[in-house]
Protein backbone atom coordinates (compact mmCIF):
# COMPACT_ATOMS: atom_id res chain seq x y z
CA MET A 1 -41.51 98.97 -78.03
CA ARG A 2 -42.55 95.50 -79.14
CA VAL A 3 -46.34 95.66 -79.42
CA ALA A 4 -48.77 92.79 -80.05
CA VAL A 5 -52.10 93.75 -81.64
CA THR A 6 -55.35 91.80 -82.01
CA GLY A 7 -57.86 92.95 -84.62
CA SER A 8 -54.98 94.35 -86.64
CA THR A 9 -56.85 94.16 -89.96
CA GLY A 10 -60.04 95.79 -88.69
CA PHE A 11 -61.33 99.34 -88.99
CA ILE A 12 -59.11 100.84 -86.29
CA GLY A 13 -56.31 98.28 -86.53
CA SER A 14 -55.69 99.02 -90.20
CA ALA A 15 -54.98 102.64 -89.32
CA LEU A 16 -53.13 101.95 -86.07
CA LEU A 17 -50.57 99.42 -87.36
CA PRO A 18 -48.80 101.72 -89.84
CA ALA A 19 -48.83 104.50 -87.21
CA LEU A 20 -47.16 102.19 -84.70
CA GLU A 21 -44.52 101.18 -87.23
CA GLN A 22 -43.93 104.78 -88.26
CA ALA A 23 -43.39 105.63 -84.59
CA GLY A 24 -40.63 103.02 -84.48
CA HIS A 25 -42.45 100.19 -82.73
CA GLU A 26 -42.13 96.53 -83.71
CA VAL A 27 -45.63 95.21 -84.34
CA ILE A 28 -46.86 91.63 -83.94
CA GLY A 29 -50.31 91.14 -85.43
CA LEU A 30 -52.23 88.22 -83.89
CA ARG A 31 -54.34 86.43 -86.49
CA ARG A 32 -57.43 84.33 -85.94
CA GLY A 33 -57.80 80.90 -87.52
CA ASP A 34 -55.32 78.55 -89.15
CA GLY A 35 -53.11 81.09 -90.89
CA PRO A 36 -49.40 81.57 -90.32
CA PRO A 37 -48.36 82.30 -86.72
CA PRO A 38 -48.82 84.08 -84.47
CA THR A 39 -52.46 83.02 -84.15
CA TRP A 40 -55.16 82.90 -81.51
CA ASP A 41 -58.60 81.37 -81.11
CA PRO A 42 -60.65 83.36 -78.59
CA GLU A 43 -63.59 80.95 -78.68
CA GLY A 44 -61.34 77.95 -78.14
CA GLY A 45 -59.24 79.72 -75.52
CA VAL A 46 -56.01 79.10 -77.45
CA ILE A 47 -53.25 81.63 -78.08
CA ASP A 48 -49.67 81.49 -79.35
CA THR A 49 -47.94 82.53 -76.14
CA ALA A 50 -44.47 81.83 -77.53
CA ALA A 51 -44.88 84.64 -80.05
CA LEU A 52 -45.86 87.03 -77.26
CA THR A 53 -42.88 86.37 -75.03
CA GLY A 54 -40.99 89.59 -74.54
CA VAL A 55 -43.68 91.96 -75.81
CA ASP A 56 -43.71 95.34 -74.09
CA ALA A 57 -47.43 95.97 -74.59
CA ILE A 58 -50.60 94.44 -76.01
CA VAL A 59 -53.28 96.37 -77.88
CA HIS A 60 -56.56 94.45 -77.96
CA LEU A 61 -59.01 95.56 -80.66
CA ALA A 62 -60.70 92.32 -81.77
CA GLY A 63 -64.36 91.52 -81.22
CA GLU A 64 -67.66 90.80 -82.96
CA GLY A 65 -69.05 93.89 -84.71
CA ILE A 66 -71.79 95.52 -82.65
CA GLY A 67 -73.75 97.19 -85.44
CA GLU A 68 -73.18 94.77 -88.30
CA HIS A 69 -76.21 92.51 -87.94
CA ARG A 70 -79.73 92.45 -86.49
CA TRP A 71 -79.70 91.85 -82.75
CA THR A 72 -81.30 88.44 -82.59
CA PRO A 73 -80.90 86.64 -79.25
CA GLU A 74 -78.16 84.55 -80.85
CA GLN A 75 -76.30 87.60 -82.23
CA LYS A 76 -76.49 89.38 -78.87
CA GLN A 77 -74.92 86.37 -77.19
CA ARG A 78 -72.27 86.24 -79.91
CA ILE A 79 -71.40 89.90 -79.31
CA LEU A 80 -71.27 89.49 -75.54
CA ARG A 81 -69.27 86.27 -75.68
CA SER A 82 -66.82 87.63 -78.26
CA ARG A 83 -66.05 90.79 -76.31
CA SER A 84 -65.78 89.17 -72.89
CA ALA A 85 -64.16 85.80 -73.71
CA GLY A 86 -61.60 87.26 -76.11
CA THR A 87 -60.60 89.96 -73.66
CA ASP A 88 -60.39 87.47 -70.80
CA LEU A 89 -58.02 85.28 -72.85
CA ILE A 90 -55.79 88.25 -73.68
CA ALA A 91 -55.81 89.47 -70.05
CA ARG A 92 -54.98 86.05 -68.60
CA THR A 93 -52.22 85.61 -71.16
CA ALA A 94 -50.73 89.02 -70.33
CA ALA A 95 -50.80 88.15 -66.63
CA ALA A 96 -49.01 84.83 -67.20
CA LEU A 97 -46.25 86.04 -69.53
CA ASP A 98 -42.73 86.18 -68.14
CA PRO A 99 -41.71 88.91 -68.40
CA GLN A 100 -45.09 90.61 -68.27
CA PRO A 101 -45.97 93.36 -70.73
CA SER A 102 -46.05 96.77 -69.12
CA ALA A 103 -49.46 97.64 -70.55
CA LEU A 104 -52.67 96.22 -71.98
CA ILE A 105 -54.54 98.81 -74.03
CA SER A 106 -58.01 97.41 -74.64
CA ALA A 107 -60.75 98.75 -76.87
CA SER A 108 -64.00 99.73 -75.18
CA ALA A 109 -66.98 101.95 -76.04
CA ILE A 110 -69.03 104.86 -74.75
CA GLY A 111 -72.02 102.51 -74.90
CA TYR A 112 -71.00 101.88 -71.28
CA TYR A 113 -73.02 104.95 -70.24
CA GLY A 114 -76.33 104.08 -71.89
CA ASP A 115 -78.80 106.82 -72.86
CA ARG A 116 -78.14 109.74 -70.49
CA GLY A 117 -79.78 112.82 -72.00
CA ASP A 118 -77.87 116.05 -71.36
CA GLU A 119 -75.71 114.70 -68.53
CA GLU A 120 -71.97 115.25 -69.01
CA LEU A 121 -70.33 111.86 -68.74
CA ARG A 122 -66.84 111.41 -67.35
CA GLU A 123 -64.91 108.24 -66.65
CA ASP A 124 -66.32 107.98 -63.12
CA SER A 125 -69.94 108.30 -64.28
CA PRO A 126 -72.04 105.19 -63.53
CA PRO A 127 -73.01 102.71 -66.27
CA GLY A 128 -76.31 102.55 -68.08
CA ASP A 129 -78.80 99.68 -68.03
CA ASN A 130 -79.28 98.61 -71.64
CA PHE A 131 -77.71 95.85 -73.76
CA LEU A 132 -74.75 97.90 -74.96
CA SER A 133 -73.92 98.92 -71.42
CA GLU A 134 -74.10 95.30 -70.34
CA VAL A 135 -71.67 94.33 -73.11
CA VAL A 136 -69.17 97.07 -72.28
CA GLN A 137 -69.26 96.36 -68.56
CA ALA A 138 -68.49 92.68 -69.19
CA TRP A 139 -65.86 93.65 -71.77
CA GLU A 140 -64.00 95.91 -69.34
CA ALA A 141 -64.39 93.50 -66.41
CA ALA A 142 -62.66 90.83 -68.48
CA THR A 143 -59.38 92.79 -68.27
CA ALA A 144 -59.25 92.11 -64.50
CA PRO A 145 -56.73 89.22 -64.60
CA ALA A 146 -54.12 91.50 -66.17
CA ALA A 147 -54.80 94.40 -63.79
CA SER A 148 -54.69 92.08 -60.78
CA ALA A 149 -51.29 90.80 -61.90
CA GLY A 150 -49.88 94.33 -62.03
CA VAL A 151 -50.20 95.07 -65.74
CA ARG A 152 -51.28 98.64 -66.49
CA VAL A 153 -54.70 98.32 -68.13
CA VAL A 154 -56.34 101.11 -70.12
CA SER A 155 -59.86 100.65 -71.52
CA LEU A 156 -60.40 103.23 -74.26
CA ARG A 157 -64.12 104.04 -74.36
CA THR A 158 -64.34 105.11 -77.98
CA GLY A 159 -67.04 107.31 -79.44
CA ILE A 160 -68.40 107.57 -83.00
CA VAL A 161 -65.32 107.33 -85.21
CA LEU A 162 -65.21 109.62 -88.23
CA ALA A 163 -63.45 108.16 -91.27
CA ARG A 164 -64.06 108.35 -95.00
CA LYS A 165 -64.37 104.56 -95.25
CA GLY A 166 -65.86 102.35 -92.57
CA GLY A 167 -67.59 103.22 -89.34
CA ALA A 168 -70.75 105.24 -88.93
CA LEU A 169 -69.70 108.13 -91.18
CA GLY A 170 -68.79 105.79 -94.03
CA ARG A 171 -72.34 104.44 -94.00
CA MET A 172 -73.86 107.91 -93.86
CA LEU A 173 -71.97 109.42 -96.78
CA LEU A 174 -73.98 108.02 -99.68
CA PRO A 175 -77.43 109.27 -98.58
CA PHE A 176 -75.94 112.62 -97.55
CA ARG A 177 -74.16 113.01 -100.88
CA LEU A 178 -77.47 112.28 -102.60
CA GLY A 179 -79.15 115.02 -100.56
CA LEU A 180 -81.18 112.46 -98.61
CA GLY A 181 -79.39 112.72 -95.28
CA GLY A 182 -81.16 114.11 -92.25
CA ARG A 183 -81.36 114.03 -88.48
CA PHE A 184 -82.29 110.89 -86.59
CA ALA A 185 -85.54 111.10 -84.59
CA SER A 186 -85.70 114.41 -82.66
CA GLY A 187 -82.08 115.30 -83.40
CA ARG A 188 -81.66 116.32 -79.76
CA GLN A 189 -79.56 113.31 -78.77
CA TRP A 190 -75.85 113.92 -78.18
CA MET A 191 -73.21 112.44 -80.49
CA SER A 192 -69.76 111.99 -78.97
CA TRP A 193 -67.56 111.69 -82.03
CA ILE A 194 -63.82 111.48 -82.72
CA SER A 195 -61.72 111.50 -85.90
CA LEU A 196 -59.86 108.32 -86.83
CA ASP A 197 -56.62 110.33 -86.61
CA ASP A 198 -57.35 111.08 -82.97
CA VAL A 199 -58.34 107.49 -82.25
CA VAL A 200 -54.91 106.42 -83.49
CA GLY A 201 -53.32 109.28 -81.59
CA GLY A 202 -55.17 108.24 -78.44
CA TYR A 203 -53.88 104.68 -78.66
CA LEU A 204 -50.31 105.86 -79.19
CA HIS A 205 -50.69 108.25 -76.25
CA ALA A 206 -52.08 105.52 -74.00
CA LEU A 207 -49.17 103.25 -74.88
CA SER A 208 -46.54 105.84 -74.01
CA ASN A 209 -48.18 107.59 -71.06
CA SER A 210 -47.73 105.44 -67.96
CA ALA A 211 -49.98 107.75 -65.92
CA LEU A 212 -53.09 106.63 -67.83
CA ASN A 213 -54.94 103.76 -66.20
CA GLY A 214 -58.42 102.28 -66.13
CA PRO A 215 -61.29 103.60 -68.28
CA VAL A 216 -60.42 106.53 -70.55
CA ASN A 217 -62.96 108.31 -72.75
CA LEU A 218 -61.65 108.43 -76.32
CA THR A 219 -63.88 111.15 -77.76
CA ALA A 220 -63.32 114.66 -79.07
CA PRO A 221 -63.76 117.42 -76.47
CA ASN A 222 -66.77 118.95 -78.26
CA PRO A 223 -69.72 116.56 -78.57
CA VAL A 224 -72.69 117.86 -80.56
CA ARG A 225 -76.36 117.10 -80.87
CA ASN A 226 -77.42 114.94 -83.81
CA GLU A 227 -79.16 117.91 -85.42
CA GLU A 228 -75.92 119.93 -85.39
CA PHE A 229 -73.93 116.98 -86.68
CA THR A 230 -76.40 116.58 -89.54
CA LYS A 231 -76.30 120.27 -90.51
CA THR A 232 -72.51 120.39 -90.32
CA LEU A 233 -72.05 117.30 -92.49
CA GLY A 234 -74.55 118.67 -95.01
CA SER A 235 -72.71 122.00 -95.08
CA VAL A 236 -69.33 120.34 -95.64
CA LEU A 237 -70.79 118.24 -98.48
CA ARG A 238 -72.88 121.17 -99.75
CA ARG A 239 -76.05 119.14 -99.64
CA PRO A 240 -79.48 119.84 -98.08
CA THR A 241 -80.44 118.15 -94.81
CA VAL A 242 -84.08 119.11 -94.56
CA LEU A 243 -85.90 115.81 -94.09
CA PRO A 244 -85.30 113.50 -91.12
CA THR A 245 -83.89 110.07 -91.86
CA PRO A 246 -86.76 107.54 -91.91
CA LEU A 247 -86.14 105.02 -89.16
CA PHE A 248 -88.77 102.45 -90.15
CA PRO A 249 -86.67 100.79 -92.91
CA LEU A 250 -83.70 100.62 -90.53
CA LYS A 251 -85.87 99.03 -87.84
CA VAL A 252 -87.10 96.45 -90.33
CA ALA A 253 -83.53 95.63 -91.39
CA TYR A 254 -81.75 95.79 -88.03
CA GLY A 255 -84.49 95.62 -85.42
CA PRO A 256 -85.85 98.41 -83.17
CA GLU A 257 -83.46 97.69 -80.28
CA LEU A 258 -80.30 98.23 -82.33
CA VAL A 259 -81.70 101.36 -83.99
CA GLN A 260 -82.74 102.81 -80.64
CA GLN A 261 -79.43 102.23 -78.88
CA LEU A 262 -77.09 103.08 -81.75
CA LEU A 263 -78.98 105.89 -83.50
CA VAL A 264 -81.62 107.41 -81.22
CA ASP A 265 -80.02 107.18 -77.78
CA GLY A 266 -77.14 109.54 -77.05
CA GLN A 267 -74.24 110.24 -74.72
CA ARG A 268 -72.57 113.56 -73.95
CA VAL A 269 -69.09 112.26 -73.18
CA VAL A 270 -66.15 114.38 -72.00
CA PRO A 271 -62.54 113.11 -72.46
CA GLU A 272 -61.46 114.31 -69.02
CA LYS A 273 -58.60 111.87 -68.35
CA LEU A 274 -57.18 112.06 -71.87
CA THR A 275 -57.10 115.85 -71.81
CA ALA A 276 -55.65 115.98 -68.29
CA SER A 277 -52.86 113.60 -69.36
CA GLY A 278 -51.69 116.10 -71.97
CA TYR A 279 -53.16 114.69 -75.17
CA ARG A 280 -53.63 117.35 -77.85
CA PHE A 281 -56.41 116.64 -80.32
CA ALA A 282 -55.65 116.95 -84.01
CA HIS A 283 -59.35 117.70 -84.65
CA PRO A 284 -61.15 119.10 -81.59
CA GLY A 285 -64.01 120.65 -83.59
CA LEU A 286 -66.57 118.83 -85.73
CA GLU A 287 -66.40 120.89 -88.92
CA GLU A 288 -62.61 120.82 -89.09
CA ALA A 289 -62.66 117.07 -88.41
CA LEU A 290 -65.18 116.40 -91.19
CA ARG A 291 -63.28 118.60 -93.63
CA ALA A 292 -60.03 116.79 -92.85
CA VAL A 293 -61.60 113.33 -93.08
CA LEU A 294 -63.47 114.09 -96.32
CA ASP A 295 -60.73 116.28 -97.85
CA LYS A 296 -63.09 119.22 -98.13
CA PRO A 297 -61.07 122.33 -97.27
CA ALA A 298 -62.99 125.45 -96.30
CA ALA A 299 -63.41 128.09 -98.99
CA ALA A 300 -60.76 130.79 -98.87
């Protein structure tokens, strides 16, 4: 397949591109700015359509980082605009191409569900009512032009991605390795995680499986509570996890709203559609996933 990818140099894109090439696909990485073509400018609504002519599929990963900066009113608008406007441009472009790509695989997030306690969340569960949910709803709605034109659209609602570098785990490793890691708040909130290997595997599966359509939860089949996640990570690293992580410094740095929605709130997400479509997880359990990601094999 000839596959165009936005966000190809980002956290997930950097892992996905070599996997696509290894699988035999021809990859076209769309770049932002004034670099060599093919380029696109989501804010300006400009895209190099000539370079996309004849692509079989588009993978859309690009967007403003959600947890990178304090959620000022301006940053929240930047996040919302980036996710919705960029996706709308990609969707309208996919719809207008001749021939059309067979699929648009668009990044999404489990933030769609909001804070839902112990409720098991499947793809048909209703959305939440906080800022992250608002962003994800607008993000997914922006794929409508492609779906209306007959392009198969898959929105991969991704959980907490486990990787040695980057993502939530990458930020957690230093304090945990120093023996300073601990649970967040009560530790009772659910964490729906997934290894980076399975994120890449999920994208490849969505590209090749024409039965997948609409929202698809991209999470491991065994979510855990934050307290269990903390203890498991501490065990793998052989470090204590006795004291809870102090949230006050994080709230000062990032603001209470971001800390609440990204660290304290939780979702118990089940990958029902992915599992039903035949995807086999490389790392279905948390400890094995952490050991694989961190290269910490279990003692014989």
